Amino acid sequence: MVKERSGAMGTTKKWEWNQFGKLQSCKDLEEYLIDREYQHSKYFHYTDLNAVEGILKNKGFWLSNVSRFNDTMDTEQFGAGPQPFFSLCFSTGIHENLPLWYLYSGVDGRGARIQFTQVGIRDLIQNGSFSLCRINREHKAEQIMPLKHGETMDLSFRDVIYAQPPDKEGTYALKYNTMTNYQLTAEEFEAYRSKHVGFCKGLIWFYEKETRLLVRLKGVAETEWKQRIQATPQEDLRVVLSFDESLY
């Protein structure tokens, strides 16, 4: 462990970036990750060309419900049945990621990636506006209600940790960027995962190097969402993150 130093947001850091492998507890992992979500040099959102056209034309991102996730471990951490969580994902790897082209652009490769700087990603998340919307037959977003942090939604932006289930000794294999940790017991890692639902994925996805934006509906927004999916399960409901002209 090193001497505490100032973090990007005025907090203190007890752990250097290359000491991930030395973490031994849920608390260590939490302290290690403080502010790191805003310390990457670049943030990339991979998607297909039609989505890029919509993002630029409408100045907004559509956050999908977590039921659409491609990782079983990822989906199951939210619990059984429909859950009011919506997500937008960014890759922080500095090199172009070919698997992500095929996962999010399609096998024809007709896609794009939108790049953000540290300043840009902070502006998007902290100054953007959120709303609960339905997607109509013309594939356009119709606002149901605006969302306000702390009242009708909780918002989290955090780096994802990748995990392999416990071995015979009861320890997880964790991966973060290029580093691996074999020190956390199953009990300690499960404590971390229960406190930070939505920010742990299976180890096979570690190449994504994901930083995730997660929105949980609450209050009247959650009630409205539940009533709509119960009445019309096939209705496409999204959270839309809109940005202003300066970011565009």
Protein backbone atom coordinates (compact mmCIF):
# COMPACT_ATOMS: atom_id res chain seq x y z
CA MET A 1 0.00 0.00 0.00
CA VAL A 2 1.25 3.49 -0.82
CA LYS A 3 0.89 6.85 0.82
CA GLU A 4 -2.50 8.42 0.20
CA ARG A 5 -2.63 10.88 -2.68
CA SER A 6 -5.25 13.20 -4.06
CA GLY A 7 -7.80 11.73 -6.47
CA ALA A 8 -9.32 13.38 -9.52
CA MET A 9 -12.34 14.61 -7.55
CA GLY A 10 -10.48 15.78 -4.44
CA THR A 11 -10.68 12.42 -2.65
CA THR A 12 -7.66 10.40 -1.53
CA LYS A 13 -6.30 7.25 -3.07
CA LYS A 14 -4.54 4.54 -1.08
CA TRP A 15 -3.75 2.35 -4.07
CA GLU A 16 -1.68 2.95 -7.18
CA TRP A 17 -3.08 1.78 -10.51
CA ASN A 18 -0.66 -1.20 -10.77
CA GLN A 19 -1.54 -2.56 -7.30
CA PHE A 20 -4.84 -4.14 -8.31
CA GLY A 21 -3.41 -7.61 -7.66
CA LYS A 22 -2.76 -6.78 -3.99
CA LEU A 23 -6.36 -5.95 -3.05
CA GLN A 24 -7.73 -8.34 -0.41
CA SER A 25 -11.17 -7.08 0.62
CA CYS A 26 -14.35 -5.42 -0.54
CA LYS A 27 -13.15 -2.20 1.09
CA ASP A 28 -9.81 -2.39 -0.74
CA LEU A 29 -11.59 -2.80 -4.06
CA GLU A 30 -13.90 0.13 -3.36
CA GLU A 31 -10.99 2.37 -2.35
CA TYR A 32 -8.98 1.32 -5.38
CA LEU A 33 -11.80 2.23 -7.80
CA ILE A 34 -12.55 5.70 -6.39
CA ASP A 35 -12.81 8.18 -9.32
CA ARG A 36 -11.13 5.83 -11.81
CA GLU A 37 -14.23 5.97 -14.03
CA TYR A 38 -13.22 9.50 -15.01
CA GLN A 39 -9.49 8.87 -15.36
CA HIS A 40 -9.36 7.03 -18.69
CA SER A 41 -7.86 8.86 -21.65
CA LYS A 42 -10.66 7.95 -24.08
CA TYR A 43 -14.19 6.50 -23.97
CA PHE A 44 -15.69 4.70 -26.97
CA HIS A 45 -19.31 3.77 -27.62
CA TYR A 46 -19.52 1.08 -30.33
CA THR A 47 -22.78 0.73 -32.24
CA ASP A 48 -24.24 0.34 -35.75
CA LEU A 49 -24.62 3.06 -38.37
CA ASN A 50 -28.36 3.45 -37.92
CA ALA A 51 -27.88 4.07 -34.19
CA VAL A 52 -25.13 6.61 -34.85
CA GLU A 53 -27.40 8.47 -37.24
CA GLY A 54 -30.12 8.57 -34.59
CA ILE A 55 -27.72 9.67 -31.83
CA LEU A 56 -26.42 12.59 -33.88
CA LYS A 57 -29.77 13.58 -35.38
CA ASN A 58 -31.66 13.54 -32.08
CA LYS A 59 -28.71 14.51 -29.83
CA GLY A 60 -29.34 11.65 -27.47
CA PHE A 61 -28.44 8.10 -26.43
CA TRP A 62 -31.01 5.37 -25.82
CA LEU A 63 -30.24 3.34 -22.70
CA SER A 64 -31.45 -0.26 -22.99
CA ASN A 65 -33.00 -2.34 -20.24
CA VAL A 66 -30.56 -4.76 -18.59
CA SER A 67 -32.70 -7.70 -19.76
CA ARG A 68 -30.97 -7.20 -23.15
CA PHE A 69 -27.48 -7.93 -21.77
CA ASN A 70 -25.46 -10.64 -23.52
CA ASP A 71 -23.86 -12.00 -20.31
CA THR A 72 -25.93 -14.28 -18.05
CA MET A 73 -23.87 -13.42 -14.97
CA ASP A 74 -24.42 -9.76 -15.79
CA THR A 75 -28.20 -10.08 -16.12
CA GLU A 76 -28.71 -12.33 -13.09
CA GLN A 77 -27.12 -9.88 -10.65
CA PHE A 78 -30.18 -7.63 -11.01
CA GLY A 79 -32.56 -10.38 -9.84
CA ALA A 80 -35.29 -12.46 -11.45
CA GLY A 81 -37.98 -10.96 -13.66
CA PRO A 82 -38.15 -7.47 -15.22
CA GLN A 83 -35.98 -4.94 -13.43
CA PRO A 84 -36.04 -1.13 -13.76
CA PHE A 85 -32.37 -0.77 -14.69
CA PHE A 86 -31.11 0.80 -17.93
CA SER A 87 -27.53 0.93 -19.16
CA LEU A 88 -25.16 2.66 -21.58
CA CYS A 89 -21.70 1.18 -22.06
CA PHE A 90 -18.32 2.62 -23.02
CA SER A 91 -15.05 0.88 -23.78
CA THR A 92 -11.92 2.55 -22.41
CA GLY A 93 -9.34 0.48 -24.29
CA ILE A 94 -7.04 2.81 -26.22
CA HIS A 95 -6.80 0.42 -29.20
CA GLU A 96 -9.55 -0.35 -31.68
CA ASN A 97 -11.47 -3.42 -30.45
CA LEU A 98 -12.40 -5.78 -33.29
CA PRO A 99 -14.74 -8.03 -31.22
CA LEU A 100 -16.76 -4.98 -30.21
CA TRP A 101 -17.23 -4.04 -33.86
CA TYR A 102 -18.86 -7.41 -34.50
CA LEU A 103 -20.84 -7.46 -31.25
CA TYR A 104 -22.37 -4.03 -31.67
CA SER A 105 -22.02 -3.19 -35.37
CA GLY A 106 -23.15 -6.51 -36.83
CA VAL A 107 -21.32 -9.10 -38.90
CA ASP A 108 -21.23 -6.78 -41.90
CA GLY A 109 -19.03 -4.39 -39.92
CA ARG A 110 -21.18 -1.41 -40.87
CA GLY A 111 -20.84 0.43 -37.62
CA ALA A 112 -19.02 3.22 -35.87
CA ARG A 113 -17.64 4.20 -32.52
CA ILE A 114 -18.22 7.55 -30.88
CA GLN A 115 -15.25 8.85 -28.95
CA PHE A 116 -15.33 10.99 -25.80
CA THR A 117 -12.55 12.67 -23.87
CA GLN A 118 -12.52 12.84 -20.06
CA VAL A 119 -14.11 16.29 -20.22
CA GLY A 120 -16.68 15.16 -22.78
CA ILE A 121 -17.82 12.09 -20.88
CA ARG A 122 -18.17 14.06 -17.65
CA ASP A 123 -20.19 16.72 -19.47
CA LEU A 124 -22.45 14.10 -21.04
CA ILE A 125 -23.28 12.38 -17.75
CA GLN A 126 -23.34 15.30 -15.34
CA ASN A 127 -25.01 17.88 -17.62
CA GLY A 128 -27.16 15.70 -19.87
CA SER A 129 -30.91 15.36 -19.33
CA PHE A 130 -32.63 12.01 -18.75
CA SER A 131 -36.17 10.93 -19.57
CA LEU A 132 -38.27 7.78 -19.66
CA CYS A 133 -39.51 7.21 -23.20
CA ARG A 134 -41.39 4.75 -25.38
CA ILE A 135 -40.15 3.87 -28.84
CA ASN A 136 -42.99 4.16 -31.34
CA ARG A 137 -43.60 2.30 -34.60
CA GLU A 138 -41.56 4.89 -36.52
CA HIS A 139 -38.64 4.06 -34.21
CA LYS A 140 -38.76 7.46 -32.56
CA ALA A 141 -38.62 8.22 -28.85
CA GLU A 142 -41.74 9.69 -27.27
CA GLN A 143 -41.20 11.13 -23.79
CA ILE A 144 -43.27 9.69 -20.96
CA MET A 145 -41.68 11.77 -18.22
CA PRO A 146 -38.42 13.59 -17.40
CA LEU A 147 -36.17 11.95 -14.82
CA LYS A 148 -34.41 13.66 -11.92
CA HIS A 149 -31.47 12.18 -10.06
CA GLY A 150 -32.42 11.26 -6.50
CA GLU A 151 -36.15 11.58 -7.10
CA THR A 152 -37.21 9.48 -10.07
CA MET A 153 -33.87 7.77 -10.79
CA ASP A 154 -30.55 6.79 -9.27
CA LEU A 155 -27.53 7.20 -11.53
CA SER A 156 -24.18 5.42 -11.29
CA PHE A 157 -21.09 5.63 -13.52
CA ARG A 158 -18.42 3.09 -12.66
CA ASP A 159 -15.74 0.81 -14.07
CA VAL A 160 -16.72 -2.84 -14.51
CA ILE A 161 -14.84 -5.66 -12.74
CA TYR A 162 -14.60 -9.04 -14.50
CA ALA A 163 -14.76 -12.22 -12.42
CA GLN A 164 -14.22 -15.96 -12.72
CA PRO A 165 -16.27 -18.07 -10.21
CA PRO A 166 -14.41 -19.31 -7.10
CA ASP A 167 -11.83 -22.10 -7.34
CA LYS A 168 -11.38 -24.91 -4.81
CA GLU A 169 -9.69 -22.48 -2.41
CA GLY A 170 -12.75 -20.22 -2.52
CA THR A 171 -11.11 -17.24 -4.22
CA TYR A 172 -12.27 -15.40 -7.34
CA ALA A 173 -10.07 -14.57 -10.30
CA LEU A 174 -10.70 -10.88 -10.97
CA LYS A 175 -9.52 -8.85 -13.92
CA TYR A 176 -9.34 -5.10 -14.41
CA ASN A 177 -7.77 -3.75 -17.60
CA THR A 178 -4.52 -5.73 -17.96
CA MET A 179 -4.26 -6.83 -14.31
CA THR A 180 -5.49 -9.88 -12.38
CA ASN A 181 -6.30 -10.40 -8.72
CA TYR A 182 -6.45 -13.78 -6.93
CA GLN A 183 -6.60 -12.37 -3.39
CA LEU A 184 -10.32 -11.73 -2.77
CA THR A 185 -12.29 -14.55 -1.19
CA ALA A 186 -15.76 -15.38 -2.44
CA GLU A 187 -17.23 -13.70 0.65
CA GLU A 188 -15.37 -10.43 0.05
CA PHE A 189 -16.16 -10.29 -3.65
CA GLU A 190 -19.83 -11.12 -3.13
CA ALA A 191 -19.97 -8.30 -0.59
CA TYR A 192 -18.63 -5.94 -3.25
CA ARG A 193 -20.99 -7.22 -5.92
CA SER A 194 -24.05 -6.89 -3.67
CA LYS A 195 -23.15 -3.25 -2.93
CA HIS A 196 -22.44 -2.38 -6.58
CA VAL A 197 -25.06 -4.25 -8.56
CA GLY A 198 -24.52 -3.91 -12.29
CA PHE A 199 -20.76 -3.46 -12.28
CA CYS A 200 -19.49 -7.06 -12.37
CA LYS A 201 -19.32 -9.30 -15.44
CA GLY A 202 -18.00 -12.71 -16.42
CA LEU A 203 -14.25 -12.97 -17.02
CA ILE A 204 -14.67 -13.87 -20.72
CA TRP A 205 -15.80 -10.27 -21.36
CA PHE A 206 -12.72 -8.59 -19.88
CA TYR A 207 -11.49 -7.42 -23.30
CA GLU A 208 -14.34 -4.88 -23.32
CA LYS A 209 -12.67 -2.75 -20.61
CA GLU A 210 -16.07 -1.31 -19.87
CA THR A 211 -17.10 1.77 -17.95
CA ARG A 212 -20.85 1.64 -17.47
CA LEU A 213 -23.57 4.20 -16.96
CA LEU A 214 -26.45 2.65 -15.02
CA VAL A 215 -29.84 4.24 -14.33
CA ARG A 216 -32.32 2.74 -11.88
CA LEU A 217 -35.87 4.07 -12.04
CA LYS A 218 -37.50 4.88 -8.72
CA GLY A 219 -40.61 6.55 -7.32
CA VAL A 220 -43.29 7.49 -9.83
CA ALA A 221 -41.02 6.61 -12.75
CA GLU A 222 -40.60 3.02 -11.55
CA THR A 223 -44.36 2.76 -10.94
CA GLU A 224 -45.13 4.06 -14.44
CA TRP A 225 -42.61 1.66 -15.99
CA LYS A 226 -44.03 -1.35 -14.11
CA GLN A 227 -47.60 -0.52 -15.07
CA ARG A 228 -46.68 -0.18 -18.73
CA ILE A 229 -44.72 -3.42 -19.03
CA GLN A 230 -47.48 -5.30 -17.22
CA ALA A 231 -50.14 -3.89 -19.53
CA THR A 232 -48.09 -4.11 -22.74
CA PRO A 233 -45.03 -6.38 -22.28
CA GLN A 234 -43.89 -5.89 -25.88
CA GLU A 235 -43.70 -2.10 -25.56
CA ASP A 236 -40.14 -0.83 -26.06
CA LEU A 237 -39.33 1.44 -23.11
CA ARG A 238 -35.98 3.22 -22.85
CA VAL A 239 -34.21 5.86 -20.84
CA VAL A 240 -32.99 8.61 -23.15
CA LEU A 241 -29.90 10.67 -22.30
CA SER A 242 -30.03 13.93 -24.24
CA PHE A 243 -27.08 16.28 -24.70
CA ASP A 244 -26.88 19.91 -25.73
CA GLU A 245 -25.50 21.68 -28.78
CA SER A 246 -22.09 22.36 -27.24
CA LEU A 247 -21.37 18.66 -26.68
CA TYR A 248 -22.78 17.80 -30.10
